[in-house]
Protein backbone atom coordinates (compact mmCIF):
# COMPACT_ATOMS: atom_id res chain seq x y z
CA MET A 1 101.75 -111.43 127.37
CA SER A 2 99.85 -112.40 127.23
CA ASP A 3 98.95 -113.16 123.68
CA TYR A 4 99.65 -113.01 120.09
CA PRO A 5 97.33 -113.40 117.39
CA PRO A 6 98.21 -116.76 115.31
CA VAL A 7 99.20 -117.00 111.59
CA GLU A 8 96.70 -116.73 109.16
CA LEU A 9 96.78 -120.19 107.82
CA GLY A 10 94.38 -121.68 105.49
CA THR A 11 92.06 -124.50 106.82
CA ALA A 12 93.09 -127.20 104.11
CA ALA A 13 96.19 -128.59 106.12
CA ALA A 14 94.23 -129.13 108.71
CA GLY A 15 91.41 -130.83 107.55
CA ARG A 16 93.58 -133.12 105.72
CA ARG A 17 95.49 -133.85 108.86
CA PRO A 18 92.82 -134.49 111.75
CA LEU A 19 95.28 -136.33 114.08
CA ALA A 20 97.91 -133.72 113.38
CA ARG A 21 95.59 -131.09 114.12
CA TRP A 22 94.54 -132.59 117.31
CA LYS A 23 98.57 -132.96 118.27
CA ALA A 24 99.10 -129.33 117.29
CA ASP A 25 96.11 -128.28 119.55
CA LEU A 26 97.31 -129.99 122.33
CA ALA A 27 100.80 -128.58 121.93
CA LEU A 28 99.45 -125.24 121.92
CA LEU A 29 97.30 -125.64 124.95
CA GLY A 30 100.66 -126.97 126.82
CA ILE A 31 102.64 -123.98 126.02
CA THR A 32 99.82 -122.07 127.23
CA LEU A 33 99.74 -123.63 130.31
CA ILE A 34 103.50 -122.84 130.65
CA TRP A 35 102.97 -119.16 130.08
CA GLY A 36 100.10 -118.96 132.44
CA ALA A 37 101.78 -120.85 135.20
CA THR A 38 105.06 -118.28 134.64
CA PHE A 39 103.42 -115.56 136.15
CA VAL A 40 103.29 -116.91 139.50
CA ILE A 41 106.90 -118.31 139.12
CA VAL A 42 108.37 -114.67 138.03
CA LYS A 43 106.38 -113.20 140.87
CA ARG A 44 108.07 -115.41 143.57
CA ALA A 45 111.13 -115.16 141.83
CA LEU A 46 111.36 -111.33 141.93
CA ALA A 47 111.50 -111.65 145.81
CA ASP A 48 115.46 -112.59 145.20
CA VAL A 49 116.45 -110.86 142.13
CA SER A 50 116.29 -107.38 140.45
CA THR A 51 113.97 -106.80 137.39
CA LEU A 52 116.64 -106.12 134.50
CA LEU A 53 118.98 -108.51 136.16
CA PHE A 54 116.22 -111.49 136.06
CA LEU A 55 115.62 -110.57 132.20
CA ALA A 56 119.10 -110.76 131.13
CA LEU A 57 119.55 -113.83 132.76
CA ARG A 58 116.19 -115.09 131.28
CA PHE A 59 117.00 -113.86 127.73
CA MET A 60 120.62 -114.83 127.96
CA LEU A 61 119.84 -118.31 128.32
CA ALA A 62 116.75 -118.59 125.87
CA GLY A 63 118.45 -116.80 123.22
CA ALA A 64 121.53 -119.22 123.30
CA ALA A 65 119.04 -122.33 122.86
CA LEU A 66 117.54 -120.55 120.13
CA ALA A 67 120.37 -119.56 118.70
CA MET A 68 121.60 -123.72 118.77
CA ALA A 69 118.60 -124.34 117.20
CA ALA A 70 119.00 -121.62 114.19
CA ARG A 71 122.76 -122.48 113.72
CA GLY A 72 123.85 -122.57 110.04
CA LEU A 73 121.40 -120.12 108.89
CA ARG A 74 122.55 -117.20 107.47
CA VAL A 75 122.70 -113.63 109.29
CA SER A 76 121.68 -110.89 106.78
CA GLY A 77 121.34 -107.10 107.50
CA ARG A 78 117.50 -107.50 106.84
CA LEU A 79 117.45 -110.10 109.73
CA VAL A 80 119.43 -107.76 112.06
CA ALA A 81 117.25 -104.55 111.49
CA ALA A 82 113.96 -106.65 111.99
CA SER A 83 115.64 -108.35 115.08
CA LEU A 84 116.75 -104.79 116.30
CA GLN A 85 113.13 -103.72 116.13
CA VAL A 86 110.85 -106.48 117.53
CA GLY A 87 113.88 -107.04 120.07
CA ALA A 88 113.38 -103.70 121.14
CA ALA A 89 109.66 -103.78 121.60
CA LEU A 90 109.92 -107.39 123.13
CA PHE A 91 112.32 -105.94 125.71
CA ALA A 92 109.91 -103.11 126.65
CA GLY A 93 107.02 -105.25 126.95
CA TYR A 94 108.80 -107.88 129.45
CA VAL A 95 110.28 -104.89 131.70
CA LEU A 96 107.10 -103.16 132.33
CA GLN A 97 105.30 -106.45 132.90
CA THR A 98 108.20 -108.11 134.99
CA ALA A 99 108.35 -104.43 137.07
CA GLY A 100 104.40 -104.68 137.42
CA LEU A 101 104.44 -108.01 138.82
CA ARG A 102 106.19 -106.43 142.19
CA PHE A 103 103.26 -104.53 142.69
CA THR A 104 100.42 -106.07 141.15
CA THR A 105 98.92 -110.01 141.53
CA PRO A 106 99.92 -112.55 138.92
CA SER A 107 96.26 -113.18 137.75
CA LYS A 108 95.67 -109.47 137.23
CA SER A 109 99.04 -109.24 135.33
CA ALA A 110 97.95 -111.87 133.19
CA PHE A 111 94.29 -110.61 132.39
CA ILE A 112 95.81 -107.09 131.52
CA THR A 113 98.76 -108.26 129.56
CA GLY A 114 96.01 -110.11 127.53
CA PHE A 115 94.60 -106.46 126.66
CA SER A 116 97.51 -105.97 123.57
CA VAL A 117 95.44 -108.52 121.79
CA VAL A 118 92.76 -105.88 121.75
CA LEU A 119 95.00 -103.02 121.01
CA VAL A 120 96.42 -104.61 117.82
CA PRO A 121 93.41 -103.39 115.63
CA LEU A 122 93.37 -100.06 117.23
CA PHE A 123 97.15 -99.57 116.36
CA ALA A 124 97.15 -101.00 113.04
CA ALA A 125 93.92 -98.70 112.16
CA ALA A 126 95.69 -95.51 113.29
CA ALA A 127 98.95 -96.48 111.39
CA LEU A 128 96.73 -97.43 108.27
CA ARG A 129 94.12 -94.30 109.19
CA ARG A 130 91.47 -97.00 108.40
CA PHE A 131 88.34 -97.63 110.46
CA VAL A 132 88.97 -101.03 112.34
CA GLY A 133 85.47 -102.42 112.45
CA TRP A 134 82.54 -102.89 114.83
CA GLY A 135 83.87 -105.96 116.09
CA PRO A 136 87.28 -104.93 117.64
CA VAL A 137 85.58 -101.78 118.93
CA ALA A 138 83.12 -104.14 120.68
CA GLY A 139 86.00 -105.95 122.07
CA VAL A 140 87.97 -102.91 123.00
CA ALA A 141 84.80 -101.72 124.84
CA ALA A 142 84.14 -105.09 126.62
CA ALA A 143 88.07 -105.33 127.82
CA MET A 144 88.03 -101.79 128.96
CA GLY A 145 85.10 -102.33 131.32
CA GLY A 146 86.86 -105.52 132.50
CA LEU A 147 89.84 -103.79 133.05
CA TYR A 148 87.75 -100.94 135.29
CA LEU A 149 86.44 -103.88 137.19
CA LEU A 150 89.40 -105.90 137.67
CA THR A 151 92.09 -103.01 138.81
CA LEU A 152 89.41 -100.80 140.65
CA PRO A 153 87.76 -102.74 143.12
CA ALA A 154 87.51 -100.42 145.55
CA GLY A 155 87.15 -97.12 143.62
CA ALA A 156 89.56 -94.87 141.87
CA SER A 157 92.13 -95.67 144.69
CA GLY A 158 92.22 -99.38 144.32
CA VAL A 159 94.40 -98.80 140.94
CA ASN A 160 97.76 -99.56 141.72
CA ARG A 161 101.27 -99.07 139.86
CA GLY A 162 101.84 -102.45 138.99
CA ASP A 163 98.26 -102.42 137.00
CA LEU A 164 99.41 -99.06 135.28
CA LEU A 165 102.77 -100.42 134.22
CA THR A 166 101.16 -103.90 133.14
CA LEU A 167 98.87 -101.85 131.01
CA GLY A 168 102.03 -100.23 129.23
CA CYS A 169 103.21 -103.86 128.84
CA ALA A 170 100.16 -104.56 126.95
CA ALA A 171 100.71 -101.81 124.69
CA ALA A 172 104.40 -102.64 124.12
CA PHE A 173 103.22 -106.26 123.09
CA ALA A 174 100.66 -104.80 120.78
CA LEU A 175 103.56 -102.92 118.88
CA HIS A 176 105.65 -106.37 118.88
CA ILE A 177 102.73 -108.01 117.12
CA LEU A 178 102.47 -105.32 114.36
CA LEU A 179 106.42 -105.28 114.03
CA ILE A 180 106.25 -108.96 113.64
CA GLY A 181 103.64 -108.89 111.06
CA ARG A 182 105.86 -106.17 109.20
CA HIS A 183 108.84 -108.60 108.66
CA SER A 184 107.11 -111.82 108.77
CA GLY A 185 107.98 -113.71 105.24
CA ARG A 186 110.92 -111.35 104.91
CA VAL A 187 113.50 -112.98 107.07
CA PRO A 188 113.23 -116.56 108.54
CA ALA A 189 111.04 -117.16 111.57
CA SER A 190 113.97 -119.36 113.49
CA GLY A 191 116.09 -116.61 112.84
CA LEU A 192 114.13 -113.92 114.14
CA ALA A 193 112.98 -115.77 116.79
CA ALA A 194 116.45 -116.25 118.25
CA GLY A 195 117.54 -112.83 117.03
CA GLN A 196 114.92 -110.85 118.87
CA VAL A 197 115.64 -112.61 122.29
CA LEU A 198 119.36 -111.65 121.82
CA VAL A 199 118.53 -108.19 121.29
CA ALA A 200 116.10 -108.27 124.49
CA ALA A 201 119.10 -109.98 126.49
CA ALA A 202 121.63 -107.26 125.55
CA LEU A 203 119.18 -105.00 126.31
CA SER A 204 118.37 -106.08 129.55
CA GLY A 205 122.45 -105.96 130.11
CA ALA A 206 122.83 -102.77 129.02
CA SER A 207 120.18 -101.15 131.15
CA LEU A 208 121.51 -102.87 134.47
CA PRO A 209 123.65 -99.63 135.18
CA TRP A 210 120.02 -97.39 135.02
CA GLY A 211 118.45 -99.63 137.84
CA PRO A 212 119.07 -101.18 140.91
CA VAL A 213 120.69 -104.43 140.84
CA PHE A 214 120.61 -107.49 143.78
CA LEU A 215 120.60 -110.94 143.21
CA ARG A 216 120.16 -113.59 146.14
CA PRO A 217 120.75 -116.96 144.78
CA SER A 218 118.21 -119.66 145.65
CA SER A 219 116.48 -122.84 144.44
CA THR A 220 113.14 -120.55 143.49
CA LEU A 221 115.21 -117.94 141.29
CA ILE A 222 117.46 -120.64 139.49
CA LEU A 223 113.85 -122.89 139.01
CA ALA A 224 112.10 -119.71 137.54
CA ILE A 225 114.78 -118.71 135.08
CA VAL A 226 115.30 -122.22 133.31
CA ILE A 227 111.83 -122.49 133.15
CA THR A 228 111.12 -119.18 131.70
CA ALA A 229 114.16 -119.34 129.58
CA LEU A 230 114.14 -122.81 128.20
CA LEU A 231 110.19 -123.71 128.52
CA ALA A 232 108.25 -120.17 128.26
CA THR A 233 110.58 -118.72 125.56
CA ALA A 234 112.82 -121.29 123.79
CA LEU A 235 110.76 -124.30 123.55
CA ALA A 236 107.46 -122.26 123.38
CA PHE A 237 108.51 -120.40 120.31
CA LEU A 238 109.81 -123.80 118.54
CA VAL A 239 106.40 -125.33 119.47
CA GLN A 240 104.41 -123.02 118.04
CA THR A 241 106.41 -122.62 115.15
CA TRP A 242 105.60 -126.26 114.44
CA ALA A 243 101.91 -126.33 115.78
CA GLN A 244 100.51 -123.63 113.80
CA GLN A 245 101.22 -125.54 110.26
CA TYR A 246 98.32 -128.01 111.24
CA THR A 247 95.93 -125.98 113.34
CA THR A 248 93.57 -123.17 112.22
CA PRO A 249 93.59 -119.60 113.46
CA THR A 250 90.26 -119.83 115.28
CA HIS A 251 91.55 -122.92 117.08
CA THR A 252 94.81 -121.21 118.25
CA ALA A 253 93.09 -117.93 119.06
CA LEU A 254 90.71 -119.80 121.32
CA ILE A 255 93.58 -121.75 122.81
CA PHE A 256 95.67 -118.79 123.76
CA THR A 257 92.77 -116.86 125.62
CA MET A 258 93.14 -119.61 128.27
CA GLU A 259 96.62 -118.02 129.39
CA PRO A 260 95.00 -115.63 131.78
CA VAL A 261 92.65 -118.57 132.94
CA PHE A 262 95.74 -120.62 133.56
CA ALA A 263 97.25 -117.91 135.40
CA LEU A 264 94.29 -117.36 137.46
CA LEU A 265 94.25 -120.90 138.55
CA THR A 266 98.11 -121.15 139.51
CA SER A 267 97.73 -118.09 141.66
CA TRP A 268 94.73 -119.27 143.38
CA LEU A 269 96.34 -122.99 143.67
CA VAL A 270 100.04 -121.88 144.85
CA MET A 271 99.68 -118.50 146.45
CA GLY A 272 96.01 -118.44 147.56
CA GLU A 273 95.04 -115.66 145.80
CA THR A 274 91.04 -114.86 145.94
CA PHE A 275 88.78 -112.67 143.61
CA SER A 276 85.46 -110.60 144.67
CA GLY A 277 82.47 -111.14 142.37
CA ARG A 278 83.41 -107.86 141.11
CA ALA A 279 87.08 -108.71 139.91
CA TRP A 280 85.37 -112.08 138.60
CA GLY A 281 83.21 -110.12 136.44
CA GLY A 282 85.94 -107.91 135.42
CA ALA A 283 88.33 -110.83 133.95
CA ALA A 284 85.38 -112.65 132.50
CA LEU A 285 84.61 -109.18 130.44
CA ILE A 286 88.36 -108.95 129.46
CA LEU A 287 88.34 -112.54 128.16
CA VAL A 288 85.09 -112.02 126.30
CA GLY A 289 86.79 -108.81 124.78
CA ILE A 290 89.97 -110.75 123.92
CA LEU A 291 87.63 -113.37 122.05
CA ILE A 292 85.27 -110.74 120.14
CA ALA A 293 88.44 -108.88 119.04
CA GLU A 294 90.25 -112.38 118.06
CA LEU A 295 87.48 -113.35 116.07
CA SER A 296 86.22 -110.94 114.33
CA PRO A 297 87.31 -109.90 110.76
CA ARG A 298 90.48 -108.10 111.01
CA LEU A 299 92.25 -105.08 109.15
CA SER A 300 93.77 -106.85 105.92
CA MET A 301 97.21 -106.65 107.16
CA LYS A 302 100.11 -109.42 107.14
CA PRO A 303 99.97 -111.45 110.32
CA PRO A 304 102.60 -112.12 112.65
CA ALA A 305 105.56 -114.87 111.82
CA SER A 306 104.86 -118.32 113.02
CA GLY A 307 106.43 -119.12 116.53
CA GLN A 308 105.92 -115.44 118.02
CA HIS A 309 104.55 -114.88 121.27
CA PRO A 310 105.01 -112.42 124.37
CA LEU A 311 105.10 -114.15 127.14
CA LYS A 312 106.14 -115.43 129.59
């Protein structure tokens, strides 16, 4: 989570291949639906497994699948270094997001995670010591107002620990975006996709002694591990790598902003979650802020590598 800016591709390819572009947009919409639905799936699975153990199992299975897809690829020192950096940020984001899901609702987690897209231009401006532009500033202001309405429905006492953990997750995923941008083009995308997931799996396993560990095997847990590892991680990365060859950045950005909407719908359908009018207004403001930040002119910086997304 929530969601990463697309590759800055030209529109020429998309214009020459309209049918391929439609297929690509539908493929991106499909994986966005998967990402949105996983918030509910993970929320339910956490009743049967500890956070770090769940992540270790998810990342090990996804890493194995991606490693098979990237088999034969030459492993260089640069790829290892990039994988360590990006994988550490990915691990931090998922730990905070998954831990936060224990205390907040799936839909709130999805909307707050999406705030990472808004944080990217601010972090980039701080790193480059440049003014980010009024578009991203407006996006941040709208999203901050939305966060206030969504996470504080009953005043200051309404915020919970899960909301704060998920906000930290958004910051970690924003850093992950910037690290992907730094290494994109320097290492193979398939190698970095596999490498970062394997690093996240190793960090999850190494962290097990530092937290509570419990496992209660159930069909819900097994289904969650399979879906999040093979569909929401391995397959999603590979599909996005293919799809973004044919669609435009604007289309991709608009599609990705549907993730929290899908999370809200699945949470309502599966868990019966309801929103107050104030919370609906907050969710809408966050979505508007993300759109403003995504579609406004960005800093002159290299975009993330194709196939990279935080989610789910």
